[in-house]
C-alpha cells in the first residue's frame, strides 16, 4: 500500500474529530520520517527525541506526551536533537489537529492503544541499511549491522508491532 491510502484514512478521521493521533513505526531506514512528512499540517513527535545518550526513554515519552495528549492537555517535553546529538530544549505539542508519533518503537505496546491510526512502514533490510549508511556515513555501517538492526529485530519479535498496525505502507515506494 502507498502513502495515498494513509492520507485518505487520516483525512476521514480528521473530518469527524478535532484531534487525531497517528503512530508510524518501522525499522530504521524504512521511510517513517519521509512518510510522516507527507502528512500536511501534522505535528511530528519523533521517538528519537527521547534518547538519553544510552537508550530511548519510552516511559518519559508515555508520561510527557501520551498521558498529556490523551487527557486533552498540552504535552511539554525536553527534546533531543538526534542529528546534532544535543538537547534542543522544550517542545510543546497541543492535542489538536493531527499529531504523528514516528520512530522505530512508535508502535510499542506501551502506546499502541492510544492511537487513532497505527501504521507500519516496511522496507527490505538491504534498503534500510543502504539508507542508514547514506544518512549516517560509512563509518556507521558496523553500528547499523551489529547493534541497531539486531536490536530492532528483537523489538519486532518481542512486541510484534506489525500485527498491531492498521496499515502497512511500502517504504520503498519513493526510493
Protein backbone atom coordinates (compact mmCIF):
# COMPACT_ATOMS: atom_id res chain seq x y z
CA UNK A 1 0.00 0.00 0.00
CA UNK A 2 1.21 3.52 -0.70
CA UNK A 3 1.01 6.79 1.22
CA UNK A 4 -2.18 7.85 -0.54
CA UNK A 5 -4.24 5.35 1.45
CA UNK A 6 -2.73 6.64 4.69
CA UNK A 7 -3.55 10.24 3.81
CA UNK A 8 -7.13 9.28 2.93
CA UNK A 9 -7.58 7.46 6.24
CA UNK A 10 -6.20 10.39 8.21
CA UNK A 11 -8.44 12.84 6.34
CA UNK A 12 -11.50 10.69 7.09
CA UNK A 13 -10.60 10.52 10.80
CA UNK A 14 -9.88 14.24 10.97
CA UNK A 15 -13.21 15.06 9.33
CA UNK A 16 -15.00 13.59 12.33
CA UNK A 17 -12.80 14.84 15.20
CA UNK A 18 -10.56 17.77 16.11
CA UNK A 19 -7.58 15.69 17.24
CA UNK A 20 -6.11 12.62 15.52
CA UNK A 21 -3.15 10.73 16.97
CA UNK A 22 -1.22 8.65 14.44
CA UNK A 23 1.64 6.25 15.17
CA UNK A 24 4.16 5.45 12.45
CA UNK A 25 6.58 2.65 13.26
CA UNK A 26 9.08 0.65 11.25
CA UNK A 27 12.72 -0.35 11.23
CA UNK A 28 15.42 2.30 10.94
CA UNK A 29 15.76 3.44 7.34
CA UNK A 30 12.33 2.09 6.34
CA UNK A 31 10.94 5.53 5.44
CA UNK A 32 8.99 6.52 8.57
CA UNK A 33 10.18 10.11 8.70
CA UNK A 34 9.62 10.63 4.98
CA UNK A 35 6.11 9.22 5.28
CA UNK A 36 5.31 11.40 8.31
CA UNK A 37 6.40 14.48 6.37
CA UNK A 38 3.78 13.76 3.69
CA UNK A 39 1.00 14.43 6.22
CA UNK A 40 0.29 18.10 5.60
CA UNK A 41 -0.01 20.20 8.74
CA UNK A 42 0.85 17.37 11.12
CA UNK A 43 2.84 17.99 14.27
CA UNK A 44 5.52 15.29 14.36
CA UNK A 45 6.99 13.88 17.56
CA UNK A 46 9.94 11.58 16.96
CA UNK A 47 10.79 8.81 19.38
CA UNK A 48 14.42 9.81 18.70
CA UNK A 49 13.70 12.97 20.70
CA UNK A 50 13.57 10.78 23.79
CA UNK A 51 17.12 9.42 23.51
CA UNK A 52 19.15 9.97 26.68
CA UNK A 53 22.53 9.04 25.23
CA UNK A 54 22.19 5.36 26.17
CA UNK A 55 18.62 4.38 25.42
CA UNK A 56 15.19 5.65 24.44
CA UNK A 57 13.22 6.90 27.43
CA UNK A 58 9.90 5.35 26.48
CA UNK A 59 8.43 5.82 29.95
CA UNK A 60 9.09 9.56 29.64
CA UNK A 61 7.50 9.59 26.18
CA UNK A 62 4.49 7.83 27.72
CA UNK A 63 4.22 10.24 30.64
CA UNK A 64 5.04 13.54 28.93
CA UNK A 65 3.38 13.05 25.55
CA UNK A 66 0.80 10.27 25.53
CA UNK A 67 -0.63 10.84 29.00
CA UNK A 68 -0.94 14.56 28.36
CA UNK A 69 -2.39 14.40 24.84
CA UNK A 70 -4.88 11.60 25.54
CA UNK A 71 -6.14 13.59 28.56
CA UNK A 72 -6.64 16.64 26.34
CA UNK A 73 -3.67 18.52 27.81
CA UNK A 74 -0.75 20.13 26.04
CA UNK A 75 2.38 17.96 26.00
CA UNK A 76 5.62 19.60 27.11
CA UNK A 77 8.88 17.73 26.88
CA UNK A 78 12.63 18.17 26.68
CA UNK A 79 13.65 17.26 23.15
CA UNK A 80 16.89 15.68 21.99
CA UNK A 81 18.17 16.53 18.51
CA UNK A 82 19.33 13.19 17.08
CA UNK A 83 21.26 14.75 14.18
CA UNK A 84 23.11 17.37 16.24
CA UNK A 85 23.44 14.89 19.16
CA UNK A 86 22.39 17.52 21.71
CA UNK A 87 19.42 18.73 23.73
CA UNK A 88 17.36 21.26 21.83
CA UNK A 89 15.11 22.49 24.62
CA UNK A 90 11.43 22.20 25.37
CA UNK A 91 8.85 21.28 22.77
CA UNK A 92 5.15 21.94 23.16
CA UNK A 93 2.53 19.90 21.33
CA UNK A 94 -1.18 20.67 21.63
CA UNK A 95 -3.88 18.00 21.45
CA UNK A 96 -5.28 19.45 18.23
CA UNK A 97 -5.15 18.72 14.54
CA UNK A 98 -3.01 15.77 13.54
CA UNK A 99 -0.17 14.64 15.77
CA UNK A 100 2.13 11.91 14.47
CA UNK A 101 4.48 9.95 16.70
CA UNK A 102 7.09 8.30 14.49
CA UNK A 103 10.03 6.10 15.21
CA UNK A 104 11.21 2.52 15.43
CA UNK A 105 9.35 1.95 18.70
CA UNK A 106 6.35 4.18 17.98
CA UNK A 107 4.04 1.14 17.97
CA UNK A 108 5.42 -0.19 21.26
CA UNK A 109 2.85 -1.96 23.45
CA UNK A 110 3.09 0.96 25.88
CA UNK A 111 1.48 3.33 23.35
CA UNK A 112 -0.35 1.42 20.66
CA UNK A 113 -3.84 1.54 22.20
CA UNK A 114 -3.74 5.35 22.32
CA UNK A 115 -3.54 5.87 18.57
CA UNK A 116 -6.45 6.56 16.27
CA UNK A 117 -4.38 5.00 13.47
CA UNK A 118 -1.33 2.72 13.63
CA UNK A 119 0.99 2.46 10.62
CA UNK A 120 3.96 0.19 9.97
CA UNK A 121 6.44 1.13 7.23
CA UNK A 122 8.08 -1.89 5.63
CA UNK A 123 11.29 -1.99 3.59
CA UNK A 124 13.83 -4.75 2.89
CA UNK A 125 16.88 -5.00 5.13
CA UNK A 126 19.35 -4.10 2.36
CA UNK A 127 17.39 -0.94 1.50
CA UNK A 128 17.25 0.10 5.17
CA UNK A 129 20.98 -0.49 5.61
CA UNK A 130 21.81 1.47 2.45
CA UNK A 131 19.68 4.41 3.64
CA UNK A 132 21.14 4.31 7.14
CA UNK A 133 24.71 4.34 5.86
CA UNK A 134 23.86 7.10 3.35
CA UNK A 135 22.47 9.21 6.20
CA UNK A 136 25.00 8.37 8.94
CA UNK A 137 28.15 7.72 6.90
CA UNK A 138 30.12 4.60 6.03
CA UNK A 139 31.73 4.61 9.49
CA UNK A 140 28.29 3.81 10.95
CA UNK A 141 27.80 0.62 8.88
CA UNK A 142 29.05 -1.71 11.61
CA UNK A 143 26.84 0.02 14.19
CA UNK A 144 23.86 -0.47 11.92
CA UNK A 145 24.68 -4.12 11.24
CA UNK A 146 25.87 -5.17 14.68
CA UNK A 147 23.82 -3.02 17.07
CA UNK A 148 20.81 -1.17 15.64
CA UNK A 149 19.40 -3.75 13.25
CA UNK A 150 19.66 -6.71 15.68
CA UNK A 151 18.16 -4.56 18.47
CA UNK A 152 15.25 -3.59 16.20
CA UNK A 153 14.77 -7.24 15.16
CA UNK A 154 14.49 -8.26 18.84
CA UNK A 155 11.95 -5.48 19.48
CA UNK A 156 9.83 -6.54 16.48
CA UNK A 157 9.96 -10.19 17.54
CA UNK A 158 9.08 -9.38 21.16
CA UNK A 159 6.46 -6.64 20.65
CA UNK A 160 5.02 -7.58 17.23
CA UNK A 161 4.20 -4.02 16.14
CA UNK A 162 3.43 -5.24 12.62
CA UNK A 163 0.40 -7.22 13.81
CA UNK A 164 -0.84 -4.13 15.68
CA UNK A 165 -0.73 -1.91 12.58
CA UNK A 166 -3.93 -0.80 10.90
CA UNK A 167 -1.99 -0.10 7.70
CA UNK A 168 1.28 -1.38 6.30
CA UNK A 169 2.96 1.02 3.91
CA UNK A 170 5.68 0.16 1.40
CA UNK A 171 8.67 2.27 2.39
CA UNK A 172 10.37 1.65 -0.95
CA UNK A 173 7.64 3.36 -2.96
CA UNK A 174 9.64 6.59 -3.05
CA UNK A 175 13.13 5.10 -3.28
